[in-house]
Amino acid sequence: MAYYSLEPWGEDRADLRSAIIASLIHNSHSKQPRPPKDFLAFKPPKPKQTVADMIALCKQHAGVFQNL
């Protein structure tokens, strides 16, 4: 585990390297640059929404409707 924390390996790492190369090639031939995360084959999972996040979102939406 200590060595992996210094030098990670595996498919996730290989996917990141490929995404960096794809981003480099795309950005050299395009006027609209894109970050390597747009080229990842395996997207990282979205973090789960917490209760505090849900409450904040509801308050935000409620504020929008009060201003109508």
PDB file of N, CA and C in Angstrom:
ATOM      1  N   MET A   1       0.817  -1.174   0.000  1.00  0.00           N
ATOM      2  CA  MET A   1       0.000   0.000   0.000  1.00  0.00           C
ATOM      3  C   MET A   1       0.875   1.256   0.000  1.00  0.00           C
ATOM      4  N   ALA A   2       1.992   1.179   0.680  1.00  0.00           N
ATOM      5  CA  ALA A   2       2.878   2.341   0.717  1.00  0.00           C
ATOM      6  C   ALA A   2       3.449   2.622  -0.670  1.00  0.00           C
ATOM      7  N   TYR A   3       3.847   1.568  -1.386  1.00  0.00           N
ATOM      8  CA  TYR A   3       4.397   1.763  -2.733  1.00  0.00           C
ATOM      9  C   TYR A   3       3.320   2.281  -3.688  1.00  0.00           C
ATOM     10  N   TYR A   4       2.093   1.780  -3.579  1.00  0.00           N
ATOM     11  CA  TYR A   4       1.001   2.232  -4.442  1.00  0.00           C
ATOM     12  C   TYR A   4       0.697   3.712  -4.209  1.00  0.00           C
ATOM     13  N   SER A   5       0.823   4.168  -2.961  1.00  0.00           N
ATOM     14  CA  SER A   5       0.569   5.591  -2.687  1.00  0.00           C
ATOM     15  C   SER A   5       1.635   6.477  -3.338  1.00  0.00           C
ATOM     16  N   LEU A   6       2.835   5.943  -3.551  1.00  0.00           N
ATOM     17  CA  LEU A   6       3.892   6.694  -4.226  1.00  0.00           C
ATOM     18  C   LEU A   6       3.806   6.577  -5.747  1.00  0.00           C
ATOM     19  N   GLU A   7       3.577   5.368  -6.247  1.00  0.00           N
ATOM     20  CA  GLU A   7       3.547   5.078  -7.684  1.00  0.00           C
ATOM     21  C   GLU A   7       2.311   4.244  -8.013  1.00  0.00           C
ATOM     22  N   PRO A   8       1.130   4.886  -8.170  1.00  0.00           N
ATOM     23  CA  PRO A   8      -0.070   4.100  -8.466  1.00  0.00           C
ATOM     24  C   PRO A   8       0.017   3.415  -9.820  1.00  0.00           C
ATOM     25  N   TRP A   9      -0.635   2.264  -9.946  1.00  0.00           N
ATOM     26  CA  TRP A   9      -0.647   1.514 -11.202  1.00  0.00           C
ATOM     27  C   TRP A   9      -2.062   0.993 -11.401  1.00  0.00           C
ATOM     28  N   GLY A  10      -2.291   0.366 -12.528  1.00  0.00           N
ATOM     29  CA  GLY A  10      -3.589  -0.255 -12.795  1.00  0.00           C
ATOM     30  C   GLY A  10      -4.347   0.466 -13.892  1.00  0.00           C
ATOM     31  N   GLU A  11      -5.570   0.010 -14.141  1.00  0.00           N
ATOM     32  CA  GLU A  11      -6.376   0.527 -15.233  1.00  0.00           C
ATOM     33  C   GLU A  11      -6.767   1.991 -15.045  1.00  0.00           C
ATOM     34  N   ASP A  12      -7.041   2.402 -13.818  1.00  0.00           N
ATOM     35  CA  ASP A  12      -7.389   3.805 -13.586  1.00  0.00           C
ATOM     36  C   ASP A  12      -6.245   4.725 -14.000  1.00  0.00           C
ATOM     37  N   ARG A  13      -5.063   4.322 -13.651  1.00  0.00           N
ATOM     38  CA  ARG A  13      -3.876   5.111 -13.982  1.00  0.00           C
ATOM     39  C   ARG A  13      -3.619   5.108 -15.483  1.00  0.00           C
ATOM     40  N   ALA A  14      -3.790   3.972 -16.128  1.00  0.00           N
ATOM     41  CA  ALA A  14      -3.604   3.876 -17.578  1.00  0.00           C
ATOM     42  C   ALA A  14      -4.646   4.721 -18.298  1.00  0.00           C
ATOM     43  N   ASP A  15      -5.876   4.719 -17.790  1.00  0.00           N
ATOM     44  CA  ASP A  15      -6.937   5.529 -18.384  1.00  0.00           C
ATOM     45  C   ASP A  15      -6.594   7.011 -18.284  1.00  0.00           C
ATOM     46  N   LEU A  16      -6.051   7.430 -17.154  1.00  0.00           N
ATOM     47  CA  LEU A  16      -5.663   8.830 -16.978  1.00  0.00           C
ATOM     48  C   LEU A  16      -4.551   9.219 -17.944  1.00  0.00           C
ATOM     49  N   ARG A  17      -3.574   8.349 -18.098  1.00  0.00           N
ATOM     50  CA  ARG A  17      -2.488   8.645 -19.051  1.00  0.00           C
ATOM     51  C   ARG A  17      -3.032   8.783 -20.467  1.00  0.00           C
ATOM     52  N   SER A  18      -3.933   7.914 -20.861  1.00  0.00           N
ATOM     53  CA  SER A  18      -4.532   7.990 -22.201  1.00  0.00           C
ATOM     54  C   SER A  18      -5.352   9.265 -22.356  1.00  0.00           C
ATOM     55  N   ALA A  19      -6.059   9.657 -21.314  1.00  0.00           N
ATOM     56  CA  ALA A  19      -6.864  10.881 -21.367  1.00  0.00           C
ATOM     57  C   ALA A  19      -5.979  12.115 -21.507  1.00  0.00           C
ATOM     58  N   ILE A  20      -4.839  12.122 -20.847  1.00  0.00           N
ATOM     59  CA  ILE A  20      -3.917  13.253 -20.958  1.00  0.00           C
ATOM     60  C   ILE A  20      -3.398  13.371 -22.387  1.00  0.00           C
ATOM     61  N   ILE A  21      -3.060  12.242 -23.004  1.00  0.00           N
ATOM     62  CA  ILE A  21      -2.573  12.265 -24.383  1.00  0.00           C
ATOM     63  C   ILE A  21      -3.680  12.707 -25.329  1.00  0.00           C
ATOM     64  N   ALA A  22      -4.892  12.188 -25.141  1.00  0.00           N
ATOM     65  CA  ALA A  22      -6.014  12.584 -25.998  1.00  0.00           C
ATOM     66  C   ALA A  22      -6.310  14.072 -25.861  1.00  0.00           C
ATOM     67  N   SER A  23      -6.252  14.583 -24.641  1.00  0.00           N
ATOM     68  CA  SER A  23      -6.477  16.011 -24.415  1.00  0.00           C
ATOM     69  C   SER A  23      -5.401  16.854 -25.093  1.00  0.00           C
ATOM     70  N   LEU A  24      -4.167  16.424 -25.006  1.00  0.00           N
ATOM     71  CA  LEU A  24      -3.061  17.140 -25.637  1.00  0.00           C
ATOM     72  C   LEU A  24      -3.249  17.199 -27.150  1.00  0.00           C
ATOM     73  N   ILE A  25      -3.607  16.083 -27.763  1.00  0.00           N
ATOM     74  CA  ILE A  25      -3.805  16.060 -29.210  1.00  0.00           C
ATOM     75  C   ILE A  25      -5.009  16.920 -29.593  1.00  0.00           C
ATOM     76  N   HIS A  26      -6.100  16.801 -28.861  1.00  0.00           N
ATOM     77  CA  HIS A  26      -7.289  17.600 -29.160  1.00  0.00           C
ATOM     78  C   HIS A  26      -6.995  19.089 -29.031  1.00  0.00           C
ATOM     79  N   ASN A  27      -6.349  19.481 -27.953  1.00  0.00           N
ATOM     80  CA  ASN A  27      -6.087  20.900 -27.708  1.00  0.00           C
ATOM     81  C   ASN A  27      -5.109  21.492 -28.712  1.00  0.00           C
ATOM     82  N   SER A  28      -4.241  20.676 -29.282  1.00  0.00           N
ATOM     83  CA  SER A  28      -3.299  21.203 -30.269  1.00  0.00           C
ATOM     84  C   SER A  28      -3.962  21.411 -31.624  1.00  0.00           C
ATOM     85  N   HIS A  29      -5.127  20.785 -31.843  1.00  0.00           N
ATOM     86  CA  HIS A  29      -5.817  20.905 -33.125  1.00  0.00           C
ATOM     87  C   HIS A  29      -7.161  21.618 -33.016  1.00  0.00           C
ATOM     88  N   SER A  30      -7.500  22.151 -31.866  1.00  0.00           N
ATOM     89  CA  SER A  30      -8.803  22.758 -31.678  1.00  0.00           C
ATOM     90  C   SER A  30      -8.668  24.125 -31.015  1.00  0.00           C
ATOM     91  N   LYS A  31      -9.650  24.978 -31.261  1.00  0.00           N
ATOM     92  CA  LYS A  31      -9.658  26.302 -30.625  1.00  0.00           C
ATOM     93  C   LYS A  31     -10.352  26.258 -29.273  1.00  0.00           C
ATOM     94  N   GLN A  32     -11.065  25.171 -29.003  1.00  0.00           N
ATOM     95  CA  GLN A  32     -11.755  25.026 -27.720  1.00  0.00           C
ATOM     96  C   GLN A  32     -11.057  23.934 -26.901  1.00  0.00           C
ATOM     97  N   PRO A  33     -10.192  24.322 -25.974  1.00  0.00           N
ATOM     98  CA  PRO A  33      -9.469  23.309 -25.189  1.00  0.00           C
ATOM     99  C   PRO A  33     -10.403  22.528 -24.265  1.00  0.00           C
ATOM    100  N   ARG A  34     -10.068  21.277 -24.049  1.00  0.00           N
ATOM    101  CA  ARG A  34     -10.820  20.411 -23.153  1.00  0.00           C
ATOM    102  C   ARG A  34      -9.852  19.751 -22.180  1.00  0.00           C
ATOM    103  N   PRO A  35     -10.246  19.627 -20.909  1.00  0.00           N
ATOM    104  CA  PRO A  35      -9.363  19.008 -19.914  1.00  0.00           C
ATOM    105  C   PRO A  35      -9.338  17.491 -20.073  1.00  0.00           C
ATOM    106  N   PRO A  36      -8.321  16.843 -19.523  1.00  0.00           N
ATOM    107  CA  PRO A  36      -8.229  15.378 -19.627  1.00  0.00           C
ATOM    108  C   PRO A  36      -9.441  14.641 -19.068  1.00  0.00           C
ATOM    109  N   LYS A  37     -10.116  15.209 -18.076  1.00  0.00           N
ATOM    110  CA  LYS A  37     -11.270  14.506 -17.486  1.00  0.00           C
ATOM    111  C   LYS A  37     -12.381  14.276 -18.505  1.00  0.00           C
ATOM    112  N   ASP A  38     -12.430  15.093 -19.579  1.00  0.00           N
ATOM    113  CA  ASP A  38     -13.429  14.890 -20.622  1.00  0.00           C
ATOM    114  C   ASP A  38     -13.143  13.660 -21.465  1.00  0.00           C
ATOM    115  N   PHE A  39     -11.931  13.145 -21.418  1.00  0.00           N
ATOM    116  CA  PHE A  39     -11.535  12.012 -22.238  1.00  0.00           C
ATOM    117  C   PHE A  39     -11.400  10.717 -21.450  1.00  0.00           C
ATOM    118  N   LEU A  40     -11.768  10.718 -20.176  1.00  0.00           N
ATOM    119  CA  LEU A  40     -11.674   9.507 -19.367  1.00  0.00           C
ATOM    120  C   LEU A  40     -12.702   8.477 -19.835  1.00  0.00           C
ATOM    121  N   ALA A  41     -12.283   7.246 -20.025  1.00  0.00           N
ATOM    122  CA  ALA A  41     -13.206   6.184 -20.424  1.00  0.00           C
ATOM    123  C   ALA A  41     -14.071   5.759 -19.242  1.00  0.00           C
ATOM    124  N   PHE A  42     -13.493   5.758 -18.066  1.00  0.00           N
ATOM    125  CA  PHE A  42     -14.214   5.384 -16.865  1.00  0.00           C
ATOM    126  C   PHE A  42     -14.356   6.619 -15.992  1.00  0.00           C
ATOM    127  N   LYS A  43     -15.556   7.168 -15.961  1.00  0.00           N
ATOM    128  CA  LYS A  43     -15.811   8.379 -15.177  1.00  0.00           C
ATOM    129  C   LYS A  43     -15.811   8.036 -13.693  1.00  0.00           C
ATOM    130  N   PRO A  44     -15.177   8.888 -12.870  1.00  0.00           N
ATOM    131  CA  PRO A  44     -15.221   8.643 -11.432  1.00  0.00           C
ATOM    132  C   PRO A  44     -16.651   8.808 -10.919  1.00  0.00           C
ATOM    133  N   PRO A  45     -17.056   8.037  -9.926  1.00  0.00           N
ATOM    134  CA  PRO A  45     -18.429   8.137  -9.427  1.00  0.00           C
ATOM    135  C   PRO A  45     -18.687   9.506  -8.804  1.00  0.00           C
ATOM    136  N   LYS A  46     -19.907   9.980  -8.981  1.00  0.00           N
ATOM    137  CA  LYS A  46     -20.285  11.258  -8.382  1.00  0.00           C
ATOM    138  C   LYS A  46     -20.426  11.068  -6.877  1.00  0.00           C
ATOM    139  N   PRO A  47     -20.012  12.074  -6.104  1.00  0.00           N
ATOM    140  CA  PRO A  47     -20.179  11.941  -4.654  1.00  0.00           C
ATOM    141  C   PRO A  47     -21.659  11.943  -4.294  1.00  0.00           C
ATOM    142  N   LYS A  48     -22.006  11.188  -3.269  1.00  0.00           N
ATOM    143  CA  LYS A  48     -23.399  11.125  -2.842  1.00  0.00           C
ATOM    144  C   LYS A  48     -23.803  12.444  -2.207  1.00  0.00           C
ATOM    145  N   GLN A  49     -25.050  12.813  -2.429  1.00  0.00           N
ATOM    146  CA  GLN A  49     -25.573  14.052  -1.900  1.00  0.00           C
ATOM    147  C   GLN A  49     -25.904  13.867  -0.419  1.00  0.00           C
ATOM    148  N   THR A  50     -25.460  14.803   0.399  1.00  0.00           N
ATOM    149  CA  THR A  50     -25.742  14.730   1.829  1.00  0.00           C
ATOM    150  C   THR A  50     -27.065  15.422   2.119  1.00  0.00           C
ATOM    151  N   VAL A  51     -27.566  15.221   3.320  1.00  0.00           N
ATOM    152  CA  VAL A  51     -28.810  15.866   3.730  1.00  0.00           C
ATOM    153  C   VAL A  51     -28.629  17.384   3.726  1.00  0.00           C
ATOM    154  N   ALA A  52     -27.469  17.864   4.162  1.00  0.00           N
ATOM    155  CA  ALA A  52     -27.210  19.303   4.177  1.00  0.00           C
ATOM    156  C   ALA A  52     -27.223  19.872   2.757  1.00  0.00           C
ATOM    157  N   ASP A  53     -26.699  19.113   1.795  1.00  0.00           N
ATOM    158  CA  ASP A  53     -26.737  19.551   0.403  1.00  0.00           C
ATOM    159  C   ASP A  53     -28.171  19.651  -0.098  1.00  0.00           C
ATOM    160  N   MET A  54     -28.995  18.679   0.251  1.00  0.00           N
ATOM    161  CA  MET A  54     -30.391  18.682  -0.181  1.00  0.00           C
ATOM    162  C   MET A  54     -31.156  19.860   0.414  1.00  0.00           C
ATOM    163  N   ILE A  55     -30.923  20.146   1.686  1.00  0.00           N
ATOM    164  CA  ILE A  55     -31.596  21.270   2.344  1.00  0.00           C
ATOM    165  C   ILE A  55     -31.168  22.586   1.707  1.00  0.00           C
ATOM    166  N   ALA A  56     -29.884  22.739   1.432  1.00  0.00           N
ATOM    167  CA  ALA A  56     -29.391  23.964   0.795  1.00  0.00           C
ATOM    168  C   ALA A  56     -29.998  24.139  -0.596  1.00  0.00           C
ATOM    169  N   LEU A  57     -30.133  23.065  -1.336  1.00  0.00           N
ATOM    170  CA  LEU A  57     -30.730  23.128  -2.668  1.00  0.00           C
ATOM    171  C   LEU A  57     -32.198  23.510  -2.591  1.00  0.00           C
ATOM    172  N   CYS A  58     -32.928  22.952  -1.632  1.00  0.00           N
ATOM    173  CA  CYS A  58     -34.343  23.308  -1.453  1.00  0.00           C
ATOM    174  C   CYS A  58     -34.489  24.780  -1.076  1.00  0.00           C
ATOM    175  N   LYS A  59     -33.626  25.275  -0.195  1.00  0.00           N
ATOM    176  CA  LYS A  59     -33.677  26.686   0.182  1.00  0.00           C
ATOM    177  C   LYS A  59     -33.370  27.584  -1.009  1.00  0.00           C
ATOM    178  N   GLN A  60     -32.438  27.165  -1.847  1.00  0.00           N
ATOM    179  CA  GLN A  60     -32.081  27.936  -3.026  1.00  0.00           C
ATOM    180  C   GLN A  60     -33.280  28.012  -3.983  1.00  0.00           C
ATOM    181  N   HIS A  61     -33.942  26.895  -4.191  1.00  0.00           N
ATOM    182  CA  HIS A  61     -35.109  26.880  -5.081  1.00  0.00           C
ATOM    183  C   HIS A  61     -36.269  27.673  -4.479  1.00  0.00           C
ATOM    184  N   ALA A  62     -36.453  27.597  -3.169  1.00  0.00           N
ATOM    185  CA  ALA A  62     -37.522  28.341  -2.516  1.00  0.00           C
ATOM    186  C   ALA A  62     -37.277  29.842  -2.659  1.00  0.00           C
ATOM    187  N   GLY A  63     -36.029  30.275  -2.589  1.00  0.00           N
ATOM    188  CA  GLY A  63     -35.701  31.693  -2.745  1.00  0.00           C
ATOM    189  C   GLY A  63     -36.002  32.185  -4.145  1.00  0.00           C
ATOM    190  N   VAL A  64     -35.822  31.342  -5.133  1.00  0.00           N
ATOM    191  CA  VAL A  64     -36.113  31.719  -6.521  1.00  0.00           C
ATOM    192  C   VAL A  64     -37.601  31.956  -6.687  1.00  0.00           C
ATOM    193  N   PHE A  65     -38.435  31.086  -6.105  1.00  0.00           N
ATOM    194  CA  PHE A  65     -39.877  31.220  -6.248  1.00  0.00           C
ATOM    195  C   PHE A  65     -40.439  32.401  -5.462  1.00  0.00           C
ATOM    196  N   GLN A  66     -39.781  32.828  -4.392  1.00  0.00           N
ATOM    197  CA  GLN A  66     -40.248  33.974  -3.620  1.00  0.00           C
ATOM    198  C   GLN A  66     -40.041  35.271  -4.383  1.00  0.00           C
ATOM    199  N   ASN A  67     -39.056  35.294  -5.284  1.00  0.00           N
ATOM    200  CA  ASN A  67     -38.758  36.517  -6.024  1.00  0.00           C
ATOM    201  C   ASN A  67     -39.649  36.702  -7.243  1.00  0.00           C
ATOM    202  N   LEU A  68     -40.555  35.757  -7.542  1.00  0.00           N
ATOM    203  CA  LEU A  68     -41.410  35.879  -8.731  1.00  0.00           C
ATOM    204  C   LEU A  68     -42.527  36.840  -8.524  1.00  0.00           C
TER     205      LEU A  68
END
